[in-house]
Amino acid sequence: MDYKLYTKNIELTKALEDYLEKRMEKIDRVFKKHDDLLMNTDIRITKEKETFKVEATSHLKVKGTILKVEERGTDLYEVIDKVSDAYERKLKKFKEKLQDHDAPNPLKEINTDVIEEEDVLNKIAKRKRYDLNMYSLEEAIMQLELLGHEFFVFRNSDSEEVNVVYKRKDGSIGLIELIG
């Protein structure tokens, strides 16, 4: 799997780079059958005090789908293992949902400038901008699960209105339909 590697507050040894590459090969085997799904992947490794954070983010060619996995821990090798295992699980789950979906060809090219991040002073710690893509309710829920977020904003393909799906405290999914 080709990916861009970014590090912060850490310099990776050759052994760590080789280990990361080995773990990514495991994910690459899952992609082999559907290599046309993947646009790009970024892996970010950050060290803050004694804690390592590894984040893998992939942009897929299915209606702007973003697959993201993040893990933290004190042993970098263990964190890399957790990220690659979680990433593989999410990818397999996504592929199963694609196969179950009745759409004849769900693959669509998307804008590669999907996300811009910039730090903002004052009260806003992080700002994200992204294209508001059309999704069915089922696709939006799948995207919510793939990102691991608490909510997901999308344009509903049935009503063409902006909607929000979110995780409720009891574990169920809620829907907010914005009118006007």
C-alpha atoms as a PDB file:
ATOM      1  CA  MET A   1       0.000   0.000   0.000  1.00  0.00           C
ATOM      2  CA  ASP A   2       1.304   3.420  -0.902  1.00  0.00           C
ATOM      3  CA  TYR A   3       0.917   6.002   1.823  1.00  0.00           C
ATOM      4  CA  LYS A   4       2.319   9.303   2.978  1.00  0.00           C
ATOM      5  CA  LEU A   5       3.937   9.195   6.392  1.00  0.00           C
ATOM      6  CA  TYR A   6       3.978  12.247   8.655  1.00  0.00           C
ATOM      7  CA  THR A   7       5.670  12.402  12.050  1.00  0.00           C
ATOM      8  CA  LYS A   8       5.646  14.931  14.850  1.00  0.00           C
ATOM      9  CA  ASN A   9       8.046  14.992  17.831  1.00  0.00           C
ATOM     10  CA  ILE A  10       9.538  11.657  16.796  1.00  0.00           C
ATOM     11  CA  GLU A  11      12.176  10.421  14.376  1.00  0.00           C
ATOM     12  CA  LEU A  12      11.429   6.921  13.135  1.00  0.00           C
ATOM     13  CA  THR A  13      14.180   4.332  13.004  1.00  0.00           C
ATOM     14  CA  LYS A  14      14.625   2.065   9.990  1.00  0.00           C
ATOM     15  CA  ALA A  15      13.310  -0.838  12.102  1.00  0.00           C
ATOM     16  CA  LEU A  16      10.098   1.079  12.918  1.00  0.00           C
ATOM     17  CA  GLU A  17       9.609   2.085   9.280  1.00  0.00           C
ATOM     18  CA  ASP A  18      10.073  -1.550   8.201  1.00  0.00           C
ATOM     19  CA  TYR A  19       7.615  -2.720  10.859  1.00  0.00           C
ATOM     20  CA  LEU A  20       5.024  -0.157   9.751  1.00  0.00           C
ATOM     21  CA  GLU A  21       5.492  -1.222   6.129  1.00  0.00           C
ATOM     22  CA  LYS A  22       5.007  -4.890   7.121  1.00  0.00           C
ATOM     23  CA  ARG A  23       1.760  -4.087   8.955  1.00  0.00           C
ATOM     24  CA  MET A  24       0.474  -2.012   6.005  1.00  0.00           C
ATOM     25  CA  GLU A  25       1.115  -4.967   3.667  1.00  0.00           C
ATOM     26  CA  LYS A  26      -1.517  -6.861   5.661  1.00  0.00           C
ATOM     27  CA  ILE A  27      -4.058  -4.161   4.785  1.00  0.00           C
ATOM     28  CA  ASP A  28      -2.813  -4.103   1.203  1.00  0.00           C
ATOM     29  CA  ARG A  29      -3.921  -7.732   0.817  1.00  0.00           C
ATOM     30  CA  VAL A  30      -7.469  -6.681   1.696  1.00  0.00           C
ATOM     31  CA  PHE A  31      -7.312  -3.925  -0.958  1.00  0.00           C
ATOM     32  CA  LYS A  32      -5.875  -6.207  -3.676  1.00  0.00           C
ATOM     33  CA  LYS A  33      -9.290  -7.337  -4.898  1.00  0.00           C
ATOM     34  CA  HIS A  34     -10.610  -3.758  -4.918  1.00  0.00           C
ATOM     35  CA  ASP A  35      -7.522  -1.690  -5.643  1.00  0.00           C
ATOM     36  CA  ASP A  36      -9.699   0.778  -7.554  1.00  0.00           C
ATOM     37  CA  LEU A  37     -11.325   1.828  -4.250  1.00  0.00           C
ATOM     38  CA  LEU A  38      -8.347   3.623  -2.732  1.00  0.00           C
ATOM     39  CA  MET A  39      -7.353   7.171  -3.669  1.00  0.00           C
ATOM     40  CA  ASN A  40      -4.740   7.952  -1.015  1.00  0.00           C
ATOM     41  CA  THR A  41      -3.698   7.167   2.544  1.00  0.00           C
ATOM     42  CA  ASP A  42      -1.958   9.307   5.155  1.00  0.00           C
ATOM     43  CA  ILE A  43      -0.377   7.909   8.302  1.00  0.00           C
ATOM     44  CA  ARG A  44       0.451  10.341  11.095  1.00  0.00           C
ATOM     45  CA  ILE A  45       2.617   9.359  14.060  1.00  0.00           C
ATOM     46  CA  THR A  46       2.811  11.813  16.940  1.00  0.00           C
ATOM     47  CA  LYS A  47       4.600  11.636  20.278  1.00  0.00           C
ATOM     48  CA  GLU A  48       3.369  13.721  23.212  1.00  0.00           C
ATOM     49  CA  LYS A  49       5.304  13.117  26.417  1.00  0.00           C
ATOM     50  CA  GLU A  50       5.310   9.319  26.777  1.00  0.00           C
ATOM     51  CA  THR A  51       2.255   8.670  24.608  1.00  0.00           C
ATOM     52  CA  PHE A  52       2.263   7.763  20.924  1.00  0.00           C
ATOM     53  CA  LYS A  53      -0.677   8.470  18.634  1.00  0.00           C
ATOM     54  CA  VAL A  54      -0.967   6.741  15.268  1.00  0.00           C
ATOM     55  CA  GLU A  55      -3.684   7.860  12.864  1.00  0.00           C
ATOM     56  CA  ALA A  56      -4.407   6.287   9.459  1.00  0.00           C
ATOM     57  CA  THR A  57      -6.754   8.141   7.106  1.00  0.00           C
ATOM     58  CA  SER A  58      -7.747   6.906   3.645  1.00  0.00           C
ATOM     59  CA  HIS A  59      -9.827   8.663   1.030  1.00  0.00           C
ATOM     60  CA  LEU A  60     -11.823   6.156  -0.999  1.00  0.00           C
ATOM     61  CA  LYS A  61     -13.443   6.574  -4.409  1.00  0.00           C
ATOM     62  CA  VAL A  62     -16.926   5.876  -3.098  1.00  0.00           C
ATOM     63  CA  LYS A  63     -18.902   9.110  -2.791  1.00  0.00           C
ATOM     64  CA  GLY A  64     -16.235  10.910  -0.765  1.00  0.00           C
ATOM     65  CA  THR A  65     -15.862   8.131   1.803  1.00  0.00           C
ATOM     66  CA  ILE A  66     -13.127   8.627   4.373  1.00  0.00           C
ATOM     67  CA  LEU A  67     -11.899   5.729   6.470  1.00  0.00           C
ATOM     68  CA  LYS A  68     -10.098   6.824   9.632  1.00  0.00           C
ATOM     69  CA  VAL A  69      -8.541   4.896  12.520  1.00  0.00           C
ATOM     70  CA  GLU A  70      -6.702   6.362  15.509  1.00  0.00           C
ATOM     71  CA  GLU A  71      -5.022   4.642  18.449  1.00  0.00           C
ATOM     72  CA  ARG A  72      -2.874   5.784  21.387  1.00  0.00           C
ATOM     73  CA  GLY A  73      -0.478   4.054  23.764  1.00  0.00           C
ATOM     74  CA  THR A  74       2.978   4.025  25.306  1.00  0.00           C
ATOM     75  CA  ASP A  75       4.440   1.239  23.107  1.00  0.00           C
ATOM     76  CA  LEU A  76       4.677   2.409  19.483  1.00  0.00           C
ATOM     77  CA  TYR A  77       4.837  -1.139  18.076  1.00  0.00           C
ATOM     78  CA  GLU A  78       1.660  -2.053  19.961  1.00  0.00           C
ATOM     79  CA  VAL A  79      -0.110   1.110  18.753  1.00  0.00           C
ATOM     80  CA  ILE A  80       0.855   0.327  15.145  1.00  0.00           C
ATOM     81  CA  ASP A  81      -0.569  -3.197  15.603  1.00  0.00           C
ATOM     82  CA  LYS A  82      -3.832  -1.807  16.998  1.00  0.00           C
ATOM     83  CA  VAL A  83      -4.197   0.698  14.152  1.00  0.00           C
ATOM     84  CA  SER A  84      -3.544  -1.854  11.409  1.00  0.00           C
ATOM     85  CA  ASP A  85      -5.949  -4.380  12.982  1.00  0.00           C
ATOM     86  CA  ALA A  86      -8.696  -1.765  13.469  1.00  0.00           C
ATOM     87  CA  TYR A  87      -8.138  -0.428   9.952  1.00  0.00           C
ATOM     88  CA  GLU A  88      -8.430  -3.916   8.479  1.00  0.00           C
ATOM     89  CA  ARG A  89     -11.677  -4.560  10.411  1.00  0.00           C
ATOM     90  CA  LYS A  90     -13.212  -1.275   9.248  1.00  0.00           C
ATOM     91  CA  LEU A  91     -12.165  -1.901   5.662  1.00  0.00           C
ATOM     92  CA  LYS A  92     -13.633  -5.417   5.628  1.00  0.00           C
ATOM     93  CA  LYS A  93     -16.878  -4.115   7.146  1.00  0.00           C
ATOM     94  CA  PHE A  94     -17.040  -1.383   4.515  1.00  0.00           C
ATOM     95  CA  LYS A  95     -16.430  -3.867   1.687  1.00  0.00           C
ATOM     96  CA  GLU A  96     -19.205  -6.129   3.030  1.00  0.00           C
ATOM     97  CA  LYS A  97     -21.631  -3.194   3.067  1.00  0.00           C
ATOM     98  CA  LEU A  98     -20.625  -2.302  -0.495  1.00  0.00           C
ATOM     99  CA  GLN A  99     -21.302  -5.867  -1.636  1.00  0.00           C
ATOM    100  CA  ASP A 100     -24.680  -5.859   0.141  1.00  0.00           C
ATOM    101  CA  HIS A 101     -25.621  -2.541  -1.446  1.00  0.00           C
ATOM    102  CA  ASP A 102     -27.910  -2.854  -4.480  1.00  0.00           C
ATOM    103  CA  ALA A 103     -26.286  -0.019  -6.434  1.00  0.00           C
ATOM    104  CA  PRO A 104     -24.843  -1.293  -9.732  1.00  0.00           C
ATOM    105  CA  ASN A 105     -21.623   0.744  -9.475  1.00  0.00           C
ATOM    106  CA  PRO A 106     -21.099   2.751  -6.279  1.00  0.00           C
ATOM    107  CA  LEU A 107     -17.637   3.946  -7.343  1.00  0.00           C
ATOM    108  CA  LYS A 108     -17.505   7.649  -8.107  1.00  0.00           C
ATOM    109  CA  GLU A 109     -14.558   9.954  -8.479  1.00  0.00           C
ATOM    110  CA  ILE A 110     -14.473  12.608  -5.788  1.00  0.00           C
ATOM    111  CA  ASN A 111     -12.753  15.908  -5.340  1.00  0.00           C
ATOM    112  CA  THR A 112      -9.298  15.245  -3.878  1.00  0.00           C
ATOM    113  CA  ASP A 113      -9.412  18.576  -2.034  1.00  0.00           C
ATOM    114  CA  VAL A 114     -12.022  17.192   0.359  1.00  0.00           C
ATOM    115  CA  ILE A 115     -10.520  18.396   3.612  1.00  0.00           C
ATOM    116  CA  GLU A 116      -8.554  21.440   4.592  1.00  0.00           C
ATOM    117  CA  GLU A 117      -7.346  21.811   8.180  1.00  0.00           C
ATOM    118  CA  GLU A 118      -6.003  24.979   9.700  1.00  0.00           C
ATOM    119  CA  ASP A 119      -5.356  26.032  13.239  1.00  0.00           C
ATOM    120  CA  VAL A 120      -7.281  29.102  14.295  1.00  0.00           C
ATOM    121  CA  LEU A 121      -6.445  31.260  17.268  1.00  0.00           C
ATOM    122  CA  ASN A 122      -9.016  32.233  19.885  1.00  0.00           C
ATOM    123  CA  LYS A 123     -11.680  29.679  20.801  1.00  0.00           C
ATOM    124  CA  ILE A 124     -11.659  27.569  17.648  1.00  0.00           C
ATOM    125  CA  ALA A 125      -8.951  24.942  17.999  1.00  0.00           C
ATOM    126  CA  LYS A 126      -9.508  23.274  14.634  1.00  0.00           C
ATOM    127  CA  ARG A 127     -11.444  24.111  11.481  1.00  0.00           C
ATOM    128  CA  LYS A 128     -12.386  21.576   8.811  1.00  0.00           C
ATOM    129  CA  ARG A 129     -13.886  22.285   5.424  1.00  0.00           C
ATOM    130  CA  TYR A 130     -15.297  19.628   3.155  1.00  0.00           C
ATOM    131  CA  ASP A 131     -17.646  19.221   0.232  1.00  0.00           C
ATOM    132  CA  LEU A 132     -21.211  18.483   1.271  1.00  0.00           C
ATOM    133  CA  ASN A 133     -21.791  15.295  -0.730  1.00  0.00           C
ATOM    134  CA  MET A 134     -25.114  13.621  -1.519  1.00  0.00           C
ATOM    135  CA  TYR A 135     -25.699  10.429   0.458  1.00  0.00           C
ATOM    136  CA  SER A 136     -28.625   8.160   1.104  1.00  0.00           C
ATOM    137  CA  LEU A 137     -29.438   7.794   4.796  1.00  0.00           C
ATOM    138  CA  GLU A 138     -27.855   4.318   4.789  1.00  0.00           C
ATOM    139  CA  GLU A 139     -24.633   5.629   3.209  1.00  0.00           C
ATOM    140  CA  ALA A 140     -24.445   8.500   5.722  1.00  0.00           C
ATOM    141  CA  ILE A 141     -24.755   6.078   8.648  1.00  0.00           C
ATOM    142  CA  MET A 142     -22.018   3.919   7.117  1.00  0.00           C
ATOM    143  CA  GLN A 143     -19.792   7.005   6.775  1.00  0.00           C
ATOM    144  CA  LEU A 144     -20.491   7.923  10.424  1.00  0.00           C
ATOM    145  CA  GLU A 145     -19.332   4.460  11.498  1.00  0.00           C
ATOM    146  CA  LEU A 146     -16.260   4.469   9.229  1.00  0.00           C
ATOM    147  CA  LEU A 147     -15.075   7.810  10.562  1.00  0.00           C
ATOM    148  CA  GLY A 148     -15.790   6.891  14.169  1.00  0.00           C
ATOM    149  CA  HIS A 149     -17.301  10.327  14.779  1.00  0.00           C
ATOM    150  CA  GLU A 150     -20.253  11.300  16.942  1.00  0.00           C
ATOM    151  CA  PHE A 151     -22.075  12.995  14.042  1.00  0.00           C
ATOM    152  CA  PHE A 152     -21.967  13.316  10.258  1.00  0.00           C
ATOM    153  CA  VAL A 153     -23.378  16.159   8.140  1.00  0.00           C
ATOM    154  CA  PHE A 154     -24.551  15.331   4.600  1.00  0.00           C
ATOM    155  CA  ARG A 155     -26.964  16.328   1.839  1.00  0.00           C
ATOM    156  CA  ASN A 156     -29.764  13.747   1.753  1.00  0.00           C
ATOM    157  CA  SER A 157     -30.112  12.248  -1.749  1.00  0.00           C
ATOM    158  CA  ASP A 158     -33.874  11.738  -1.227  1.00  0.00           C
ATOM    159  CA  SER A 159     -34.815  15.246  -0.073  1.00  0.00           C
ATOM    160  CA  GLU A 160     -31.713  17.196  -1.205  1.00  0.00           C
ATOM    161  CA  GLU A 161     -31.792  18.892   2.224  1.00  0.00           C
ATOM    162  CA  VAL A 162     -28.897  19.083   4.674  1.00  0.00           C
ATOM    163  CA  ASN A 163     -29.208  16.396   7.367  1.00  0.00           C
ATOM    164  CA  VAL A 164     -27.158  15.237  10.349  1.00  0.00           C
ATOM    165  CA  VAL A 165     -26.888  11.665  11.632  1.00  0.00           C
ATOM    166  CA  TYR A 166     -25.504  11.262  15.129  1.00  0.00           C
ATOM    167  CA  LYS A 167     -24.826   8.663  17.804  1.00  0.00           C
ATOM    168  CA  ARG A 168     -27.184   8.899  20.757  1.00  0.00           C
ATOM    169  CA  LYS A 169     -26.124   8.175  24.339  1.00  0.00           C
ATOM    170  CA  ASP A 170     -28.037   4.868  24.295  1.00  0.00           C
ATOM    171  CA  GLY A 171     -26.048   3.716  21.231  1.00  0.00           C
ATOM    172  CA  SER A 172     -28.806   4.232  18.676  1.00  0.00           C
ATOM    173  CA  ILE A 173     -28.560   6.590  15.692  1.00  0.00           C
ATOM    174  CA  GLY A 174     -30.433   9.904  15.502  1.00  0.00           C
ATOM    175  CA  LEU A 175     -31.331  11.991  12.448  1.00  0.00           C
ATOM    176  CA  ILE A 176     -31.683  15.764  12.299  1.00  0.00           C
ATOM    177  CA  GLU A 177     -33.474  17.103   9.219  1.00  0.00           C
ATOM    178  CA  LEU A 178     -32.763  20.789   8.622  1.00  0.00           C
ATOM    179  CA  ILE A 179     -35.635  22.618   6.951  1.00  0.00           C
ATOM    180  CA  GLY A 180     -35.439  25.973   5.285  1.00  0.00           C
END
